[in-house]
Amino acid sequence: MQKWQMQDAKARMSELVKSAQEQPQDITVHGKSVAVVVSRQTFDRLSQAQGSLLDFMQRSPLAGQDDLVFERDPSPTRDAAF
C-alpha cells in the first residue's frame, strides 16, 4: 500500500485517486495512518450488507440444537468505581 503525507495527498489528489483504482492508498499525518483511499469497486464490495445477526445465527452449525448448555461463570461481578 502506498503512503501519502496529507499535504502531498491534497496537492496530488488526481494522482491519488488514480492510484486508488489499483490498490488502497494510505494517508498519514505526522507519520500516523489516518485514512485509506480505496476504489469505488472496493468500497462497494466491502460495504455490502452481510445480513442481520439473526441470519448469521441461523447459519450457525449449532442452529436448531435444543440440547445446548451454556455454563455461567460463577465468579462475582466487579465493584463499580464511583
N, C-alpha and C. Protein backbone atom coordinates (compact mmCIF):
# COMPACT_ATOMS: atom_id res chain seq x y z
N MET A 1 0.85 -1.17 0.00
CA MET A 1 0.00 0.00 0.00
C MET A 1 0.90 1.24 0.00
N GLN A 2 0.63 2.14 -0.89
CA GLN A 2 1.42 3.36 -0.98
C GLN A 2 0.99 4.33 0.11
N LYS A 3 1.96 5.02 0.71
CA LYS A 3 1.68 6.00 1.76
C LYS A 3 1.82 7.41 1.20
N TRP A 4 0.91 8.27 1.62
CA TRP A 4 0.92 9.67 1.22
C TRP A 4 0.83 10.53 2.47
N GLN A 5 1.71 11.54 2.55
CA GLN A 5 1.53 12.53 3.60
C GLN A 5 0.33 13.38 3.22
N MET A 6 -0.39 13.86 4.21
CA MET A 6 -1.63 14.61 3.96
C MET A 6 -1.42 15.75 2.96
N GLN A 7 -0.37 16.54 3.13
CA GLN A 7 -0.17 17.68 2.24
C GLN A 7 0.09 17.23 0.80
N ASP A 8 0.79 16.10 0.63
CA ASP A 8 1.01 15.56 -0.71
C ASP A 8 -0.29 15.03 -1.30
N ALA A 9 -1.09 14.39 -0.48
CA ALA A 9 -2.37 13.85 -0.95
C ALA A 9 -3.27 14.97 -1.44
N LYS A 10 -3.30 16.09 -0.71
CA LYS A 10 -4.13 17.24 -1.12
C LYS A 10 -3.61 17.84 -2.42
N ALA A 11 -2.29 17.98 -2.51
CA ALA A 11 -1.70 18.62 -3.69
C ALA A 11 -1.80 17.75 -4.94
N ARG A 12 -1.84 16.42 -4.74
CA ARG A 12 -1.83 15.50 -5.88
C ARG A 12 -3.06 14.59 -5.87
N MET A 13 -4.21 15.18 -5.56
CA MET A 13 -5.46 14.43 -5.40
C MET A 13 -5.78 13.57 -6.62
N SER A 14 -5.61 14.10 -7.80
CA SER A 14 -5.93 13.36 -9.02
C SER A 14 -5.09 12.10 -9.12
N GLU A 15 -3.80 12.21 -8.85
CA GLU A 15 -2.91 11.06 -8.88
C GLU A 15 -3.28 10.05 -7.79
N LEU A 16 -3.63 10.56 -6.62
CA LEU A 16 -4.05 9.70 -5.51
C LEU A 16 -5.26 8.86 -5.89
N VAL A 17 -6.26 9.49 -6.47
CA VAL A 17 -7.48 8.79 -6.86
C VAL A 17 -7.18 7.75 -7.95
N LYS A 18 -6.35 8.11 -8.91
CA LYS A 18 -5.99 7.14 -9.95
C LYS A 18 -5.26 5.94 -9.36
N SER A 19 -4.36 6.19 -8.41
CA SER A 19 -3.62 5.10 -7.77
C SER A 19 -4.54 4.20 -6.95
N ALA A 20 -5.58 4.79 -6.38
CA ALA A 20 -6.53 4.01 -5.57
C ALA A 20 -7.30 3.00 -6.42
N GLN A 21 -7.34 3.21 -7.73
CA GLN A 21 -8.01 2.24 -8.61
C GLN A 21 -7.23 0.93 -8.66
N GLU A 22 -5.94 1.00 -8.39
CA GLU A 22 -5.08 -0.19 -8.43
C GLU A 22 -4.94 -0.86 -7.08
N GLN A 23 -4.76 -0.04 -6.03
CA GLN A 23 -4.59 -0.58 -4.68
C GLN A 23 -4.93 0.52 -3.66
N PRO A 24 -5.29 0.15 -2.43
CA PRO A 24 -5.59 1.15 -1.40
C PRO A 24 -4.41 2.08 -1.17
N GLN A 25 -4.72 3.34 -0.86
CA GLN A 25 -3.71 4.37 -0.63
C GLN A 25 -3.83 4.86 0.81
N ASP A 26 -2.73 4.83 1.54
CA ASP A 26 -2.70 5.20 2.95
C ASP A 26 -2.35 6.68 3.10
N ILE A 27 -3.16 7.42 3.84
CA ILE A 27 -2.92 8.85 4.10
C ILE A 27 -2.40 8.98 5.54
N THR A 28 -1.29 9.69 5.70
CA THR A 28 -0.70 9.84 7.03
C THR A 28 -0.62 11.32 7.44
N VAL A 29 -0.68 11.52 8.75
CA VAL A 29 -0.46 12.84 9.34
C VAL A 29 0.54 12.64 10.47
N HIS A 30 1.65 13.34 10.42
CA HIS A 30 2.72 13.19 11.40
C HIS A 30 3.15 11.73 11.53
N GLY A 31 3.18 11.02 10.40
CA GLY A 31 3.65 9.64 10.38
C GLY A 31 2.63 8.60 10.81
N LYS A 32 1.44 9.03 11.23
CA LYS A 32 0.41 8.08 11.65
C LYS A 32 -0.66 7.95 10.58
N SER A 33 -1.06 6.73 10.31
CA SER A 33 -2.11 6.48 9.33
C SER A 33 -3.43 7.03 9.85
N VAL A 34 -4.09 7.87 9.03
CA VAL A 34 -5.37 8.47 9.45
C VAL A 34 -6.52 8.13 8.52
N ALA A 35 -6.21 7.67 7.31
CA ALA A 35 -7.27 7.35 6.35
C ALA A 35 -6.70 6.45 5.26
N VAL A 36 -7.61 5.75 4.60
CA VAL A 36 -7.26 4.93 3.46
C VAL A 36 -8.22 5.26 2.33
N VAL A 37 -7.68 5.52 1.15
CA VAL A 37 -8.50 5.79 -0.02
C VAL A 37 -8.53 4.52 -0.85
N VAL A 38 -9.77 4.07 -1.17
CA VAL A 38 -9.94 2.86 -1.97
C VAL A 38 -10.82 3.18 -3.17
N SER A 39 -10.80 2.31 -4.15
CA SER A 39 -11.64 2.49 -5.33
C SER A 39 -13.11 2.31 -4.96
N ARG A 40 -13.99 2.82 -5.79
CA ARG A 40 -15.43 2.66 -5.58
C ARG A 40 -15.78 1.18 -5.57
N GLN A 41 -15.17 0.41 -6.48
CA GLN A 41 -15.44 -1.02 -6.56
C GLN A 41 -15.08 -1.71 -5.25
N THR A 42 -13.92 -1.39 -4.69
CA THR A 42 -13.51 -1.99 -3.41
C THR A 42 -14.44 -1.57 -2.30
N PHE A 43 -14.79 -0.29 -2.25
CA PHE A 43 -15.70 0.20 -1.22
C PHE A 43 -17.04 -0.52 -1.29
N ASP A 44 -17.60 -0.64 -2.48
CA ASP A 44 -18.90 -1.31 -2.64
C ASP A 44 -18.82 -2.77 -2.18
N ARG A 45 -17.74 -3.43 -2.53
CA ARG A 45 -17.58 -4.83 -2.14
C ARG A 45 -17.48 -4.97 -0.62
N LEU A 46 -16.72 -4.08 0.01
CA LEU A 46 -16.53 -4.16 1.46
C LEU A 46 -17.75 -3.72 2.25
N SER A 47 -18.58 -2.88 1.67
CA SER A 47 -19.70 -2.34 2.43
C SER A 47 -21.03 -3.03 2.16
N GLN A 48 -21.01 -4.10 1.36
CA GLN A 48 -22.24 -4.83 1.10
C GLN A 48 -22.78 -5.39 2.41
N ALA A 49 -24.09 -5.35 2.53
CA ALA A 49 -24.73 -5.90 3.73
C ALA A 49 -24.44 -7.39 3.83
N GLN A 50 -24.02 -7.80 4.99
CA GLN A 50 -23.70 -9.20 5.22
C GLN A 50 -24.86 -9.94 5.86
N GLY A 51 -26.01 -9.31 5.99
CA GLY A 51 -27.16 -9.93 6.62
C GLY A 51 -27.26 -9.50 8.07
N SER A 52 -28.35 -9.85 8.68
CA SER A 52 -28.59 -9.46 10.06
C SER A 52 -27.96 -10.46 11.03
N LEU A 53 -27.98 -10.11 12.29
CA LEU A 53 -27.49 -11.02 13.32
C LEU A 53 -28.32 -12.30 13.32
N LEU A 54 -29.61 -12.17 13.11
CA LEU A 54 -30.48 -13.35 13.05
C LEU A 54 -30.06 -14.26 11.90
N ASP A 55 -29.77 -13.70 10.73
CA ASP A 55 -29.30 -14.50 9.59
C ASP A 55 -28.03 -15.26 9.95
N PHE A 56 -27.11 -14.57 10.59
CA PHE A 56 -25.84 -15.17 11.00
C PHE A 56 -26.07 -16.33 11.95
N MET A 57 -26.92 -16.12 12.93
CA MET A 57 -27.19 -17.16 13.92
C MET A 57 -27.90 -18.37 13.29
N GLN A 58 -28.77 -18.11 12.34
CA GLN A 58 -29.48 -19.20 11.69
C GLN A 58 -28.56 -20.03 10.79
N ARG A 59 -27.47 -19.44 10.32
CA ARG A 59 -26.49 -20.17 9.51
C ARG A 59 -25.50 -20.97 10.36
N SER A 60 -25.52 -20.76 11.66
CA SER A 60 -24.59 -21.42 12.56
C SER A 60 -24.80 -22.93 12.54
N PRO A 61 -23.70 -23.70 12.65
CA PRO A 61 -23.86 -25.16 12.73
C PRO A 61 -24.59 -25.58 14.00
N LEU A 62 -24.69 -24.70 14.98
CA LEU A 62 -25.39 -25.02 16.22
C LEU A 62 -26.88 -24.68 16.16
N ALA A 63 -27.32 -24.05 15.09
CA ALA A 63 -28.73 -23.67 14.96
C ALA A 63 -29.61 -24.91 15.02
N GLY A 64 -30.67 -24.83 15.79
CA GLY A 64 -31.63 -25.92 15.88
C GLY A 64 -31.29 -26.98 16.92
N GLN A 65 -30.16 -26.84 17.57
CA GLN A 65 -29.80 -27.80 18.61
C GLN A 65 -30.39 -27.34 19.93
N ASP A 66 -31.35 -28.09 20.44
CA ASP A 66 -32.04 -27.69 21.67
C ASP A 66 -31.34 -28.18 22.93
N ASP A 67 -30.33 -29.02 22.79
CA ASP A 67 -29.67 -29.61 23.95
C ASP A 67 -28.39 -28.86 24.35
N LEU A 68 -28.20 -27.65 23.88
CA LEU A 68 -27.01 -26.89 24.23
C LEU A 68 -27.11 -26.38 25.67
N VAL A 69 -26.00 -26.48 26.39
CA VAL A 69 -25.95 -25.97 27.76
C VAL A 69 -24.78 -25.00 27.83
N PHE A 70 -25.06 -23.79 28.26
CA PHE A 70 -24.01 -22.78 28.41
C PHE A 70 -23.76 -22.59 29.90
N GLU A 71 -22.53 -22.86 30.31
CA GLU A 71 -22.15 -22.71 31.70
C GLU A 71 -22.00 -21.22 32.03
N ARG A 72 -22.51 -20.83 33.17
CA ARG A 72 -22.38 -19.45 33.61
C ARG A 72 -21.15 -19.33 34.49
N ASP A 73 -20.41 -18.26 34.32
CA ASP A 73 -19.22 -18.00 35.13
C ASP A 73 -19.66 -17.67 36.55
N PRO A 74 -19.26 -18.46 37.54
CA PRO A 74 -19.72 -18.24 38.91
C PRO A 74 -18.96 -17.13 39.65
N SER A 75 -17.94 -16.54 39.05
CA SER A 75 -17.15 -15.52 39.74
C SER A 75 -18.01 -14.30 40.02
N PRO A 76 -17.72 -13.63 41.15
CA PRO A 76 -18.53 -12.44 41.48
C PRO A 76 -18.28 -11.31 40.49
N THR A 77 -19.24 -10.43 40.39
CA THR A 77 -19.07 -9.28 39.48
C THR A 77 -18.10 -8.30 40.11
N ARG A 78 -17.57 -7.44 39.30
CA ARG A 78 -16.62 -6.45 39.81
C ARG A 78 -17.37 -5.31 40.47
N ASP A 79 -16.70 -4.62 41.37
CA ASP A 79 -17.29 -3.45 42.02
C ASP A 79 -17.23 -2.26 41.07
N ALA A 80 -18.28 -1.51 41.01
CA ALA A 80 -18.29 -0.31 40.17
C ALA A 80 -17.57 0.81 40.91
N ALA A 81 -16.66 1.47 40.23
CA ALA A 81 -15.92 2.58 40.83
C ALA A 81 -16.68 3.88 40.59
N PHE A 82 -16.89 4.59 41.67
CA PHE A 82 -17.59 5.88 41.55
C PHE A 82 -16.72 7.00 41.96
